């Protein structure tokens, strides 16, 4: 499966109004320096000590938003 990794701060910039909000990220344990990744389906996963946890998802044209903010491609 392909992902794009980023920090919680970058994810916070990408999230749109109808998706997770900043408070939801904090509740999920995502801080500015937390490592997160997004797969091609838009699932948001957070790096934990023993693996990855899905904490939500992106909707719509998220690929464009991710690439515009990070400059990264799926890996």
PDB file of N, CA and C in Angstrom:
ATOM      1  N   UNK A   1       0.844  -1.176   0.000  1.00  0.00           N
ATOM      2  CA  UNK A   1       0.000   0.000   0.000  1.00  0.00           C
ATOM      3  C   UNK A   1       0.891   1.242   0.000  1.00  0.00           C
ATOM      4  N   UNK A   2       0.482   2.253  -0.716  1.00  0.00           N
ATOM      5  CA  UNK A   2       1.243   3.502  -0.813  1.00  0.00           C
ATOM      6  C   UNK A   2       0.764   4.515   0.217  1.00  0.00           C
ATOM      7  N   UNK A   3       1.699   5.290   0.746  1.00  0.00           N
ATOM      8  CA  UNK A   3       1.402   6.314   1.748  1.00  0.00           C
ATOM      9  C   UNK A   3       2.185   7.579   1.459  1.00  0.00           C
ATOM     10  N   UNK A   4       1.743   8.657   2.080  1.00  0.00           N
ATOM     11  CA  UNK A   4       2.529   9.877   2.192  1.00  0.00           C
ATOM     12  C   UNK A   4       2.591  10.195   3.681  1.00  0.00           C
ATOM     13  N   UNK A   5       3.809  10.319   4.203  1.00  0.00           N
ATOM     14  CA  UNK A   5       4.001  10.631   5.612  1.00  0.00           C
ATOM     15  C   UNK A   5       4.206  12.125   5.800  1.00  0.00           C
ATOM     16  N   UNK A   6       3.795  12.599   6.966  1.00  0.00           N
ATOM     17  CA  UNK A   6       3.918  14.022   7.302  1.00  0.00           C
ATOM     18  C   UNK A   6       3.810  14.176   8.808  1.00  0.00           C
ATOM     19  N   UNK A   7       3.958  15.384   9.278  1.00  0.00           N
ATOM     20  CA  UNK A   7       3.776  15.669  10.699  1.00  0.00           C
ATOM     21  C   UNK A   7       2.319  16.038  10.963  1.00  0.00           C
ATOM     22  N   UNK A   8       1.969  16.016  12.217  1.00  0.00           N
ATOM     23  CA  UNK A   8       0.625  16.436  12.614  1.00  0.00           C
ATOM     24  C   UNK A   8       0.347  17.888  12.238  1.00  0.00           C
ATOM     25  N   UNK A   9       1.380  18.741  12.292  1.00  0.00           N
ATOM     26  CA  UNK A   9       1.209  20.154  11.922  1.00  0.00           C
ATOM     27  C   UNK A   9       0.834  20.292  10.449  1.00  0.00           C
ATOM     28  N   UNK A  10       1.472  19.491   9.588  1.00  0.00           N
ATOM     29  CA  UNK A  10       1.148  19.538   8.165  1.00  0.00           C
ATOM     30  C   UNK A  10      -0.251  18.994   7.925  1.00  0.00           C
ATOM     31  N   UNK A  11      -0.592  17.907   8.588  1.00  0.00           N
ATOM     32  CA  UNK A  11      -1.941  17.341   8.453  1.00  0.00           C
ATOM     33  C   UNK A  11      -2.997  18.362   8.840  1.00  0.00           C
ATOM     34  N   UNK A  12      -2.744  19.106   9.903  1.00  0.00           N
ATOM     35  CA  UNK A  12      -3.696  20.114  10.364  1.00  0.00           C
ATOM     36  C   UNK A  12      -3.979  21.154   9.281  1.00  0.00           C
ATOM     37  N   UNK A  13      -2.996  21.459   8.454  1.00  0.00           N
ATOM     38  CA  UNK A  13      -3.171  22.425   7.358  1.00  0.00           C
ATOM     39  C   UNK A  13      -3.985  21.835   6.204  1.00  0.00           C
ATOM     40  N   UNK A  14      -3.903  20.517   6.024  1.00  0.00           N
ATOM     41  CA  UNK A  14      -4.553  19.843   4.898  1.00  0.00           C
ATOM     42  C   UNK A  14      -6.035  19.568   5.150  1.00  0.00           C
ATOM     43  N   UNK A  15      -6.395  19.370   6.403  1.00  0.00           N
ATOM     44  CA  UNK A  15      -7.762  18.986   6.748  1.00  0.00           C
ATOM     45  C   UNK A  15      -8.742  20.087   6.365  1.00  0.00           C
ATOM     46  N   UNK A  16      -9.840  19.685   5.722  1.00  0.00           N
ATOM     47  CA  UNK A  16     -10.878  20.648   5.343  1.00  0.00           C
ATOM     48  C   UNK A  16     -12.010  20.639   6.368  1.00  0.00           C
ATOM     49  N   UNK A  17     -12.933  21.555   6.216  1.00  0.00           N
ATOM     50  CA  UNK A  17     -14.008  21.771   7.181  1.00  0.00           C
ATOM     51  C   UNK A  17     -14.859  20.537   7.479  1.00  0.00           C
ATOM     52  N   UNK A  18     -15.111  19.681   6.483  1.00  0.00           N
ATOM     53  CA  UNK A  18     -16.008  18.539   6.688  1.00  0.00           C
ATOM     54  C   UNK A  18     -15.269  17.273   7.137  1.00  0.00           C
ATOM     55  N   UNK A  19     -14.002  17.412   7.493  1.00  0.00           N
ATOM     56  CA  UNK A  19     -13.204  16.288   7.953  1.00  0.00           C
ATOM     57  C   UNK A  19     -12.869  16.484   9.432  1.00  0.00           C
ATOM     58  N   UNK A  20     -11.881  15.771   9.918  1.00  0.00           N
ATOM     59  CA  UNK A  20     -11.431  15.958  11.297  1.00  0.00           C
ATOM     60  C   UNK A  20     -11.082  17.423  11.543  1.00  0.00           C
ATOM     61  N   UNK A  21     -11.230  17.862  12.754  1.00  0.00           N
ATOM     62  CA  UNK A  21     -10.851  19.219  13.131  1.00  0.00           C
ATOM     63  C   UNK A  21      -9.671  19.157  14.093  1.00  0.00           C
ATOM     64  N   UNK A  22      -9.068  20.286  14.350  1.00  0.00           N
ATOM     65  CA  UNK A  22      -7.888  20.351  15.212  1.00  0.00           C
ATOM     66  C   UNK A  22      -8.137  19.658  16.554  1.00  0.00           C
ATOM     67  N   UNK A  23      -9.294  19.893  17.168  1.00  0.00           N
ATOM     68  CA  UNK A  23      -9.611  19.264  18.456  1.00  0.00           C
ATOM     69  C   UNK A  23      -9.642  17.751  18.333  1.00  0.00           C
ATOM     70  N   UNK A  24     -10.164  17.242  17.197  1.00  0.00           N
ATOM     71  CA  UNK A  24     -10.197  15.795  16.983  1.00  0.00           C
ATOM     72  C   UNK A  24      -8.786  15.227  16.892  1.00  0.00           C
ATOM     73  N   UNK A  25      -7.874  15.963  16.282  1.00  0.00           N
ATOM     74  CA  UNK A  25      -6.491  15.507  16.194  1.00  0.00           C
ATOM     75  C   UNK A  25      -5.881  15.408  17.591  1.00  0.00           C
ATOM     76  N   UNK A  26      -6.107  16.412  18.406  1.00  0.00           N
ATOM     77  CA  UNK A  26      -5.571  16.382  19.764  1.00  0.00           C
ATOM     78  C   UNK A  26      -6.147  15.213  20.552  1.00  0.00           C
ATOM     79  N   UNK A  27      -7.448  14.963  20.410  1.00  0.00           N
ATOM     80  CA  UNK A  27      -8.092  13.837  21.098  1.00  0.00           C
ATOM     81  C   UNK A  27      -7.498  12.503  20.657  1.00  0.00           C
ATOM     82  N   UNK A  28      -7.059  12.417  19.401  1.00  0.00           N
ATOM     83  CA  UNK A  28      -6.464  11.193  18.864  1.00  0.00           C
ATOM     84  C   UNK A  28      -4.980  11.091  19.210  1.00  0.00           C
ATOM     85  N   UNK A  29      -4.454  12.070  19.939  1.00  0.00           N
ATOM     86  CA  UNK A  29      -3.048  12.043  20.332  1.00  0.00           C
ATOM     87  C   UNK A  29      -2.106  12.548  19.253  1.00  0.00           C
ATOM     88  N   UNK A  30      -2.626  13.346  18.330  1.00  0.00           N
ATOM     89  CA  UNK A  30      -1.795  13.887  17.247  1.00  0.00           C
ATOM     90  C   UNK A  30      -1.386  15.309  17.606  1.00  0.00           C
ATOM     91  N   UNK A  31      -0.094  15.486  17.856  1.00  0.00           N
ATOM     92  CA  UNK A  31       0.466  16.806  18.106  1.00  0.00           C
ATOM     93  C   UNK A  31       1.179  17.301  16.862  1.00  0.00           C
ATOM     94  N   UNK A  32       1.751  18.486  16.937  1.00  0.00           N
ATOM     95  CA  UNK A  32       2.428  19.074  15.776  1.00  0.00           C
ATOM     96  C   UNK A  32       3.565  18.208  15.248  1.00  0.00           C
ATOM     97  N   UNK A  33       4.294  17.528  16.132  1.00  0.00           N
ATOM     98  CA  UNK A  33       5.446  16.740  15.691  1.00  0.00           C
ATOM     99  C   UNK A  33       5.145  15.245  15.529  1.00  0.00           C
ATOM    100  N   UNK A  34       3.902  14.844  15.748  1.00  0.00           N
ATOM    101  CA  UNK A  34       3.516  13.442  15.591  1.00  0.00           C
ATOM    102  C   UNK A  34       3.647  13.017  14.131  1.00  0.00           C
ATOM    103  N   UNK A  35       4.157  11.803  13.902  1.00  0.00           N
ATOM    104  CA  UNK A  35       4.264  11.272  12.547  1.00  0.00           C
ATOM    105  C   UNK A  35       2.932  10.624  12.168  1.00  0.00           C
ATOM    106  N   UNK A  36       2.391  11.058  11.055  1.00  0.00           N
ATOM    107  CA  UNK A  36       1.154  10.483  10.520  1.00  0.00           C
ATOM    108  C   UNK A  36       1.393  10.099   9.064  1.00  0.00           C
ATOM    109  N   UNK A  37       0.521   9.245   8.555  1.00  0.00           N
ATOM    110  CA  UNK A  37       0.581   8.908   7.141  1.00  0.00           C
ATOM    111  C   UNK A  37      -0.830   8.775   6.615  1.00  0.00           C
ATOM    112  N   UNK A  38      -0.961   9.011   5.314  1.00  0.00           N
ATOM    113  CA  UNK A  38      -2.254   8.930   4.646  1.00  0.00           C
ATOM    114  C   UNK A  38      -2.099   7.984   3.469  1.00  0.00           C
ATOM    115  N   UNK A  39      -3.050   7.051   3.329  1.00  0.00           N
ATOM    116  CA  UNK A  39      -2.993   6.142   2.187  1.00  0.00           C
ATOM    117  C   UNK A  39      -3.847   6.697   1.050  1.00  0.00           C
ATOM    118  N   UNK A  40      -3.835   6.019  -0.079  1.00  0.00           N
ATOM    119  CA  UNK A  40      -4.558   6.499  -1.267  1.00  0.00           C
ATOM    120  C   UNK A  40      -6.070   6.567  -1.062  1.00  0.00           C
ATOM    121  N   UNK A  41      -6.586   5.836  -0.093  1.00  0.00           N
ATOM    122  CA  UNK A  41      -8.021   5.882   0.203  1.00  0.00           C
ATOM    123  C   UNK A  41      -8.378   7.029   1.136  1.00  0.00           C
ATOM    124  N   UNK A  42      -7.365   7.730   1.649  1.00  0.00           N
ATOM    125  CA  UNK A  42      -7.596   8.871   2.522  1.00  0.00           C
ATOM    126  C   UNK A  42      -7.584   8.554   4.001  1.00  0.00           C
ATOM    127  N   UNK A  43      -7.263   7.299   4.369  1.00  0.00           N
ATOM    128  CA  UNK A  43      -7.199   6.942   5.786  1.00  0.00           C
ATOM    129  C   UNK A  43      -6.005   7.621   6.441  1.00  0.00           C
ATOM    130  N   UNK A  44      -6.236   8.219   7.598  1.00  0.00           N
ATOM    131  CA  UNK A  44      -5.176   8.868   8.361  1.00  0.00           C
ATOM    132  C   UNK A  44      -4.728   7.902   9.445  1.00  0.00           C
ATOM    133  N   UNK A  45      -3.436   7.575   9.458  1.00  0.00           N
ATOM    134  CA  UNK A  45      -2.873   6.674  10.450  1.00  0.00           C
ATOM    135  C   UNK A  45      -1.821   7.410  11.260  1.00  0.00           C
ATOM    136  N   UNK A  46      -1.794   7.126  12.562  1.00  0.00           N
ATOM    137  CA  UNK A  46      -0.860   7.760  13.489  1.00  0.00           C
ATOM    138  C   UNK A  46       0.149   6.725  13.960  1.00  0.00           C
ATOM    139  N   UNK A  47       1.422   7.115  13.972  1.00  0.00           N
ATOM    140  CA  UNK A  47       2.482   6.222  14.446  1.00  0.00           C
ATOM    141  C   UNK A  47       2.423   6.141  15.949  1.00  0.00           C
ATOM    142  N   UNK A  48       2.294   4.925  16.449  1.00  0.00           N
ATOM    143  CA  UNK A  48       2.325   4.662  17.894  1.00  0.00           C
ATOM    144  C   UNK A  48       3.554   3.813  18.196  1.00  0.00           C
ATOM    145  N   UNK A  49       3.831   3.574  19.435  1.00  0.00           N
ATOM    146  CA  UNK A  49       5.012   2.806  19.829  1.00  0.00           C
ATOM    147  C   UNK A  49       5.022   1.389  19.245  1.00  0.00           C
ATOM    148  N   UNK A  50       3.846   0.798  19.067  1.00  0.00           N
ATOM    149  CA  UNK A  50       3.779  -0.588  18.593  1.00  0.00           C
ATOM    150  C   UNK A  50       3.147  -0.723  17.212  1.00  0.00           C
ATOM    151  N   UNK A  51       3.017   0.350  16.467  1.00  0.00           N
ATOM    152  CA  UNK A  51       2.437   0.258  15.127  1.00  0.00           C
ATOM    153  C   UNK A  51       1.658   1.498  14.762  1.00  0.00           C
ATOM    154  N   UNK A  52       0.737   1.331  13.823  1.00  0.00           N
ATOM    155  CA  UNK A  52      -0.053   2.441  13.304  1.00  0.00           C
ATOM    156  C   UNK A  52      -1.511   2.284  13.706  1.00  0.00           C
ATOM    157  N   UNK A  53      -2.180   3.399  14.059  1.00  0.00           N
ATOM    158  CA  UNK A  53      -3.603   3.416  14.382  1.00  0.00           C
ATOM    159  C   UNK A  53      -4.327   4.323  13.397  1.00  0.00           C
ATOM    160  N   UNK A  54      -5.453   3.856  12.862  1.00  0.00           N
ATOM    161  CA  UNK A  54      -6.290   4.695  12.006  1.00  0.00           C
ATOM    162  C   UNK A  54      -7.105   5.615  12.914  1.00  0.00           C
ATOM    163  N   UNK A  55      -7.055   6.925  12.632  1.00  0.00           N
ATOM    164  CA  UNK A  55      -7.766   7.901  13.474  1.00  0.00           C
ATOM    165  C   UNK A  55      -8.802   8.702  12.705  1.00  0.00           C
ATOM    166  N   UNK A  56      -8.943   8.463  11.423  1.00  0.00           N
ATOM    167  CA  UNK A  56      -9.922   9.207  10.634  1.00  0.00           C
ATOM    168  C   UNK A  56      -9.581   9.124   9.166  1.00  0.00           C
ATOM    169  N   UNK A  57     -10.183  10.021   8.407  1.00  0.00           N
ATOM    170  CA  UNK A  57      -9.940  10.003   6.979  1.00  0.00           C
ATOM    171  C   UNK A  57     -10.175  11.348   6.322  1.00  0.00           C
ATOM    172  N   UNK A  58      -9.591  11.492   5.153  1.00  0.00           N
ATOM    173  CA  UNK A  58      -9.774  12.680   4.337  1.00  0.00           C
ATOM    174  C   UNK A  58     -10.824  12.390   3.273  1.00  0.00           C
ATOM    175  N   UNK A  59     -11.501  13.422   2.811  1.00  0.00           N
ATOM    176  CA  UNK A  59     -12.558  13.285   1.818  1.00  0.00           C
ATOM    177  C   UNK A  59     -12.252  14.118   0.584  1.00  0.00           C
ATOM    178  N   UNK A  60     -12.896  13.793  -0.505  1.00  0.00           N
ATOM    179  CA  UNK A  60     -12.830  14.626  -1.703  1.00  0.00           C
ATOM    180  C   UNK A  60     -11.480  14.625  -2.379  1.00  0.00           C
ATOM    181  N   UNK A  61     -11.070  15.787  -2.819  1.00  0.00           N
ATOM    182  CA  UNK A  61      -9.836  15.958  -3.590  1.00  0.00           C
ATOM    183  C   UNK A  61      -8.617  16.095  -2.683  1.00  0.00           C
ATOM    184  N   UNK A  62      -8.445  15.149  -1.783  1.00  0.00           N
ATOM    185  CA  UNK A  62      -7.355  15.253  -0.818  1.00  0.00           C
ATOM    186  C   UNK A  62      -5.981  15.051  -1.446  1.00  0.00           C
ATOM    187  N   UNK A  63      -5.886  14.280  -2.537  1.00  0.00           N
ATOM    188  CA  UNK A  63      -4.575  14.053  -3.156  1.00  0.00           C
ATOM    189  C   UNK A  63      -3.924  15.367  -3.571  1.00  0.00           C
ATOM    190  N   UNK A  64      -4.708  16.250  -4.163  1.00  0.00           N
ATOM    191  CA  UNK A  64      -4.186  17.547  -4.586  1.00  0.00           C
ATOM    192  C   UNK A  64      -3.727  18.352  -3.373  1.00  0.00           C
ATOM    193  N   UNK A  65      -4.519  18.349  -2.308  1.00  0.00           N
ATOM    194  CA  UNK A  65      -4.158  19.093  -1.099  1.00  0.00           C
ATOM    195  C   UNK A  65      -2.862  18.562  -0.496  1.00  0.00           C
ATOM    196  N   UNK A  66      -2.724  17.224  -0.457  1.00  0.00           N
ATOM    197  CA  UNK A  66      -1.518  16.627   0.121  1.00  0.00           C
ATOM    198  C   UNK A  66      -0.291  17.010  -0.697  1.00  0.00           C
ATOM    199  N   UNK A  67      -0.375  16.838  -2.000  1.00  0.00           N
ATOM    200  CA  UNK A  67       0.779  17.140  -2.848  1.00  0.00           C
ATOM    201  C   UNK A  67       1.130  18.624  -2.797  1.00  0.00           C
ATOM    202  N   UNK A  68       0.109  19.473  -2.791  1.00  0.00           N
ATOM    203  CA  UNK A  68       0.355  20.917  -2.751  1.00  0.00           C
ATOM    204  C   UNK A  68       1.071  21.320  -1.456  1.00  0.00           C
ATOM    205  N   UNK A  69       0.676  20.731  -0.336  1.00  0.00           N
ATOM    206  CA  UNK A  69       1.259  21.092   0.961  1.00  0.00           C
ATOM    207  C   UNK A  69       2.622  20.444   1.194  1.00  0.00           C
ATOM    208  N   UNK A  70       2.785  19.176   0.770  1.00  0.00           N
ATOM    209  CA  UNK A  70       4.013  18.453   1.093  1.00  0.00           C
ATOM    210  C   UNK A  70       5.011  18.373  -0.061  1.00  0.00           C
ATOM    211  N   UNK A  71       4.525  18.426  -1.297  1.00  0.00           N
ATOM    212  CA  UNK A  71       5.393  18.228  -2.456  1.00  0.00           C
ATOM    213  C   UNK A  71       5.773  16.772  -2.657  1.00  0.00           C
ATOM    214  N   UNK A  72       5.180  15.871  -1.861  1.00  0.00           N
ATOM    215  CA  UNK A  72       5.518  14.455  -1.910  1.00  0.00           C
ATOM    216  C   UNK A  72       4.557  13.673  -2.797  1.00  0.00           C
ATOM    217  N   UNK A  73       5.024  12.519  -3.248  1.00  0.00           N
ATOM    218  CA  UNK A  73       4.207  11.589  -4.029  1.00  0.00           C
ATOM    219  C   UNK A  73       4.067  10.304  -3.227  1.00  0.00           C
ATOM    220  N   UNK A  74       3.122   9.451  -3.635  1.00  0.00           N
ATOM    221  CA  UNK A  74       2.886   8.185  -2.948  1.00  0.00           C
ATOM    222  C   UNK A  74       4.139   7.321  -2.978  1.00  0.00           C
ATOM    223  N   UNK A  75       4.460   6.722  -1.848  1.00  0.00           N
ATOM    224  CA  UNK A  75       5.633   5.829  -1.761  1.00  0.00           C
ATOM    225  C   UNK A  75       5.243   4.553  -1.032  1.00  0.00           C
TER     226      UNK A  75
END
